[in-house]
Protein backbone atom coordinates (compact mmCIF):
# COMPACT_ATOMS: atom_id res chain seq x y z
CA MET A 1 35.06 -34.02 40.35
CA SER A 2 37.54 -31.89 42.28
CA ALA A 3 40.14 -29.81 40.48
CA PRO A 4 43.64 -31.32 40.26
CA THR A 5 46.09 -30.12 42.88
CA ALA A 6 49.55 -28.79 42.10
CA LEU A 7 52.49 -31.10 42.60
CA ARG A 8 54.34 -30.66 45.87
CA PRO A 9 57.71 -28.92 45.30
CA THR A 10 60.81 -31.05 45.90
CA GLY A 11 63.86 -30.02 47.91
CA ASP A 12 63.68 -27.87 51.02
CA ARG A 13 60.47 -26.78 52.71
CA ALA A 14 58.43 -24.21 50.82
CA THR A 15 57.74 -21.59 53.49
CA ARG A 16 54.83 -19.20 53.40
CA LYS A 17 57.01 -16.44 51.91
CA VAL A 18 58.44 -18.82 49.32
CA ARG A 19 54.96 -19.79 48.15
CA ALA A 20 53.78 -16.18 48.17
CA VAL A 21 56.73 -14.96 46.08
CA ALA A 22 56.40 -17.90 43.68
CA GLU A 23 52.69 -17.14 43.30
CA ARG A 24 53.44 -13.53 42.33
CA HIS A 25 55.59 -14.78 39.45
CA ARG A 26 53.39 -17.71 38.44
CA ALA A 27 51.89 -15.95 35.41
CA ARG A 28 55.32 -15.53 33.85
CA LEU A 29 57.39 -18.37 35.32
CA GLY A 30 54.80 -21.07 36.03
CA GLU A 31 54.35 -23.38 39.01
CA LEU A 32 56.96 -23.96 41.71
CA ARG A 33 58.89 -27.23 41.20
CA HIS A 34 61.89 -27.20 43.54
CA VAL A 35 63.26 -25.25 46.53
CA GLU A 36 66.91 -25.07 47.58
CA SER A 37 68.25 -23.00 50.46
CA SER A 38 71.54 -21.87 52.00
CA SER A 39 70.36 -22.07 55.61
CA PRO A 40 73.16 -22.71 58.14
CA PRO A 41 73.80 -26.37 59.04
CA PRO A 42 73.77 -27.49 62.70
CA ARG A 43 77.55 -27.13 63.05
CA VAL A 44 77.34 -23.41 62.23
CA VAL A 45 74.64 -22.89 64.84
CA VAL A 46 76.69 -24.83 67.42
CA TRP A 47 79.83 -22.79 66.71
CA THR A 48 77.81 -19.59 66.94
CA VAL A 49 76.55 -20.62 70.38
CA VAL A 50 80.10 -21.53 71.46
CA ILE A 51 81.48 -18.17 70.32
CA LEU A 52 78.64 -16.31 72.04
CA GLY A 53 79.34 -18.27 75.20
CA ALA A 54 83.05 -17.41 75.07
CA LEU A 55 82.28 -13.73 74.53
CA SER A 56 79.82 -13.79 77.42
CA VAL A 57 82.43 -15.32 79.73
CA GLY A 58 84.91 -12.65 78.64
CA VAL A 59 82.44 -9.89 79.46
CA PHE A 60 81.72 -11.48 82.85
CA LEU A 61 85.42 -11.72 83.74
CA GLN A 62 85.92 -8.07 82.90
CA GLY A 63 83.49 -7.20 85.64
CA GLY A 64 80.72 -4.66 85.58
CA GLY A 65 77.14 -4.70 86.72
CA ILE A 66 74.75 -7.49 85.92
CA GLY A 67 72.64 -5.14 83.81
CA GLY A 68 75.62 -4.15 81.69
CA ILE A 69 76.71 -7.76 81.19
CA VAL A 70 73.20 -8.85 80.17
CA GLY A 71 72.94 -5.92 77.78
CA VAL A 72 76.23 -6.79 76.04
CA VAL A 73 75.33 -10.49 75.79
CA LEU A 74 71.93 -9.66 74.32
CA ALA A 75 73.60 -7.38 71.78
CA TYR A 76 75.89 -10.25 70.73
CA VAL A 77 72.89 -12.56 70.37
CA VAL A 78 70.92 -10.08 68.28
CA ILE A 79 73.89 -9.50 65.96
CA ALA A 80 74.45 -13.24 65.52
CA VAL A 81 70.77 -13.92 64.81
CA VAL A 82 70.58 -11.11 62.25
CA ILE A 83 73.68 -12.38 60.44
CA LEU A 84 72.42 -15.98 60.33
CA VAL A 85 68.91 -14.98 59.25
CA PHE A 86 70.03 -12.72 56.41
CA LEU A 87 72.84 -14.95 55.13
CA GLY A 88 70.77 -18.08 55.63
CA GLY A 89 67.82 -16.56 53.79
CA GLU A 90 69.43 -17.23 50.40
CA LYS A 91 67.34 -19.55 48.22
CA ILE A 92 66.92 -20.63 44.64
CA LEU A 93 63.47 -21.67 43.43
CA VAL A 94 63.05 -23.65 40.24
CA LEU A 95 59.75 -22.95 38.50
CA GLU A 96 58.36 -24.26 35.22
CA ARG A 97 59.76 -21.45 33.08
CA GLY A 98 62.41 -19.78 35.20
CA ILE A 99 64.04 -19.36 38.57
CA LEU A 100 63.86 -17.07 41.58
CA ILE A 101 67.24 -16.53 43.25
CA GLY A 102 68.30 -14.33 46.15
CA SER A 103 67.45 -13.59 49.74
CA PHE A 104 64.08 -14.40 51.26
CA ALA A 105 65.05 -12.71 54.54
CA PRO A 106 62.73 -10.00 55.92
CA PHE A 107 62.35 -6.91 53.72
CA LEU A 108 64.26 -8.52 50.83
CA THR A 109 63.05 -10.04 47.57
CA PRO A 110 64.80 -12.40 45.14
CA TYR A 111 65.58 -11.86 41.46
CA ALA A 112 63.31 -13.41 38.84
CA LEU A 113 65.01 -14.93 35.80
CA GLY A 114 63.16 -16.56 32.96
CA PHE A 115 64.91 -19.50 31.34
CA ASP A 116 65.44 -17.30 28.28
CA GLN A 117 67.70 -15.16 30.50
CA VAL A 118 69.85 -18.11 31.61
CA ASP A 119 72.53 -19.91 29.60
CA ALA A 120 71.67 -23.58 30.21
CA ARG A 121 75.06 -24.64 28.85
CA SER A 122 76.83 -22.79 31.66
CA ILE A 123 75.17 -24.54 34.62
CA SER A 124 77.95 -26.11 36.69
CA ALA A 125 78.19 -27.79 40.10
CA ASN A 126 81.43 -26.88 41.87
CA LEU A 127 83.45 -27.94 44.89
CA ALA A 128 84.23 -24.33 45.69
CA GLY A 129 82.97 -21.61 47.98
CA PRO A 130 82.94 -17.84 47.50
CA ARG A 131 86.75 -17.52 47.49
CA GLY A 132 87.27 -20.30 44.95
CA ILE A 133 84.81 -18.71 42.54
CA SER A 134 86.24 -15.21 43.03
CA LEU A 135 89.69 -16.37 41.84
CA LEU A 136 88.23 -16.67 38.34
CA LEU A 137 86.68 -13.21 38.34
CA ALA A 138 88.16 -9.79 37.65
CA HIS A 139 86.16 -8.23 40.49
CA ARG A 140 86.55 -10.33 43.63
CA GLY A 141 84.12 -8.40 45.77
CA ALA A 142 80.79 -9.91 46.73
CA GLY A 143 78.45 -8.65 44.03
CA ARG A 144 74.71 -9.07 43.84
CA ALA A 145 75.11 -12.09 41.53
CA SER A 146 77.06 -13.88 44.26
CA ARG A 147 74.45 -15.59 46.43
CA THR A 148 77.02 -17.52 48.45
CA VAL A 149 77.52 -18.12 52.17
CA PRO A 150 80.80 -18.64 54.07
CA TRP A 151 79.79 -21.99 55.58
CA SER A 152 79.37 -23.80 52.27
CA LEU A 153 82.11 -24.99 49.89
CA ARG A 154 79.61 -26.33 47.36
CA SER A 155 78.14 -24.03 44.74
CA LEU A 156 76.03 -23.93 41.60
CA THR A 157 77.08 -21.39 38.99
CA PHE A 158 75.54 -20.22 35.73
CA THR A 159 75.66 -17.18 33.48
CA ALA A 160 72.50 -15.11 33.19
CA ALA A 161 71.26 -11.54 32.87
CA ALA A 162 73.03 -9.23 35.32
CA PRO A 163 71.17 -8.32 38.53
CA ALA A 164 71.02 -4.62 37.61
CA VAL A 165 69.50 -5.53 34.25
CA VAL A 166 66.93 -7.81 35.89
CA ARG A 167 65.90 -5.12 38.39
CA HIS A 168 65.71 -2.48 35.67
CA HIS A 169 63.42 -4.71 33.60
CA ALA A 170 61.22 -5.44 36.61
CA ALA A 171 60.87 -1.72 37.36
CA ARG A 172 60.15 -0.71 33.76
CA GLY A 173 58.02 -3.71 32.83
CA GLY A 174 59.72 -4.09 29.46
CA ALA A 175 60.72 -7.24 27.63
CA PRO A 176 63.29 -9.42 29.49
CA VAL A 177 66.88 -8.79 28.39
CA THR A 178 68.25 -11.97 26.81
CA ASP A 179 71.31 -10.50 25.07
CA PRO A 180 74.44 -12.46 26.23
CA ARG A 181 76.37 -9.19 26.30
CA PHE A 182 74.52 -8.38 29.53
CA PHE A 183 75.19 -11.78 31.13
CA VAL A 184 77.36 -12.29 34.22
CA LEU A 185 78.32 -15.25 36.38
CA TRP A 186 75.81 -16.07 39.12
CA SER A 187 76.74 -18.32 42.04
CA PHE A 188 74.65 -19.99 44.71
CA SER A 189 75.76 -21.96 47.78
CA VAL A 190 73.84 -25.10 48.66
CA ARG A 191 73.10 -26.00 52.26
CA HIS A 192 74.62 -29.50 52.11
CA PRO A 193 76.94 -31.31 49.65
CA ARG A 194 74.18 -33.83 48.88
CA ARG A 195 71.92 -31.02 47.65
CA LEU A 196 73.93 -30.11 44.55
CA ALA A 197 72.83 -33.05 42.40
CA PRO A 198 69.08 -32.69 43.15
CA LEU A 199 69.28 -28.98 42.28
CA VAL A 200 71.00 -29.71 38.97
CA HIS A 201 68.46 -32.42 38.13
CA ALA A 202 65.57 -30.09 39.00
CA LEU A 203 66.94 -27.40 36.70
CA ALA A 204 67.59 -29.89 33.90
CA SER A 205 64.10 -31.37 34.18
CA ALA A 206 62.38 -27.96 34.16
CA MET A 207 64.46 -26.64 31.28
CA GLN A 208 63.95 -29.78 29.21
CA ALA A 209 60.20 -29.56 29.73
CA ALA A 210 60.32 -25.89 28.68
CA GLY A 211 62.33 -26.72 25.55
CA VAL A 212 65.34 -24.61 26.50
CA PRO A 213 68.29 -24.99 24.07
CA GLY A 214 71.12 -26.97 25.66
CA ALA A 215 68.94 -28.39 28.44
CA ASP A 216 69.61 -32.00 27.43
CA ASP A 217 73.31 -31.58 28.23
CA ILE A 218 72.96 -29.91 31.64
CA THR A 219 73.43 -33.02 33.75
CA SER A 220 76.43 -34.35 31.84
CA HIS A 221 78.12 -30.93 31.91
CA ALA A 222 77.36 -30.01 35.52
CA LEU A 223 77.82 -33.34 37.30
CA PRO A 224 79.74 -34.67 39.08
CA PRO A 225 80.76 -31.51 40.98
CA ARG A 226 84.32 -30.44 40.22
CA ARG A 227 86.98 -28.42 41.96
CA LEU A 228 87.75 -25.02 40.52
CA HIS A 229 91.24 -23.87 39.61
CA ARG A 230 92.43 -20.54 38.29
CA THR A 231 92.67 -21.81 34.72
CA VAL A 232 91.28 -20.84 31.34
CA ALA A 233 89.67 -24.30 31.11
CA ASP A 234 87.60 -23.72 34.25
CA ALA A 235 86.65 -20.21 33.16
CA ASP A 236 85.52 -21.68 29.85
CA ARG A 237 83.55 -24.45 31.56
CA LEU A 238 81.67 -21.89 33.63
CA ARG A 239 81.27 -19.76 30.47
CA ILE A 240 82.38 -16.64 32.31
CA PRO A 241 82.14 -13.63 29.96
CA ALA A 242 85.58 -12.49 28.78
CA GLY A 243 85.29 -9.05 30.35
CA ASP A 244 84.51 -10.52 33.78
CA ARG A 245 87.46 -12.94 33.88
CA ALA A 246 90.51 -12.46 36.03
CA PRO A 247 93.66 -11.21 34.24
CA GLY A 248 95.35 -14.04 32.42
CA LEU A 249 92.11 -15.98 31.89
CA ARG A 250 90.65 -13.87 29.06
């Protein structure tokens, strides 16, 4: 009798790098269950092509040799491709006992968070992009816990161990830090509005199976997606740590 095969992950396509990274963390986080990405939708690609075309026409009208025009156009194309690849490389993988979140672009690796490093009660689906989330935070710059992209106004947020803490643990090989004092707000942009609910359900299912406290209430708390306002109520719903909240929301 042949050995049983692993279930096929739901969500977006599990690329070779996705499977390889998930395999490296399988001993600690278990099998891969779901894949969600922030890859650019067709409209973003179309607008990128339109902008490149307009820039190319502008270069042509300014005159210059054919070689110079081709060189400038190619430079525009390379810059656009690099931006789309690196921003669009953001993914969140749901495994049996944790998640991998961050960029899967070349030369980059995501953060590994066990479910014991994530506050299940904070998982929220939001009708807000990077700017909407930043209005609730004291530091509005794009930090490492902000895995958002400009073309999406739909996001999943949760509080979990800070990126610096996660990296420090990975480098030292010590016990994962689960102290809420080291938790910050993480945010992730989904590729399409219809992808928020499946991601929430995948997280709820995995956390329930792992026996995570608060997992039974994830779906009712996170869904349906809600708009964010600069209010104490929304900061409380996202469970943003007091020290990370914008002035007036603490």
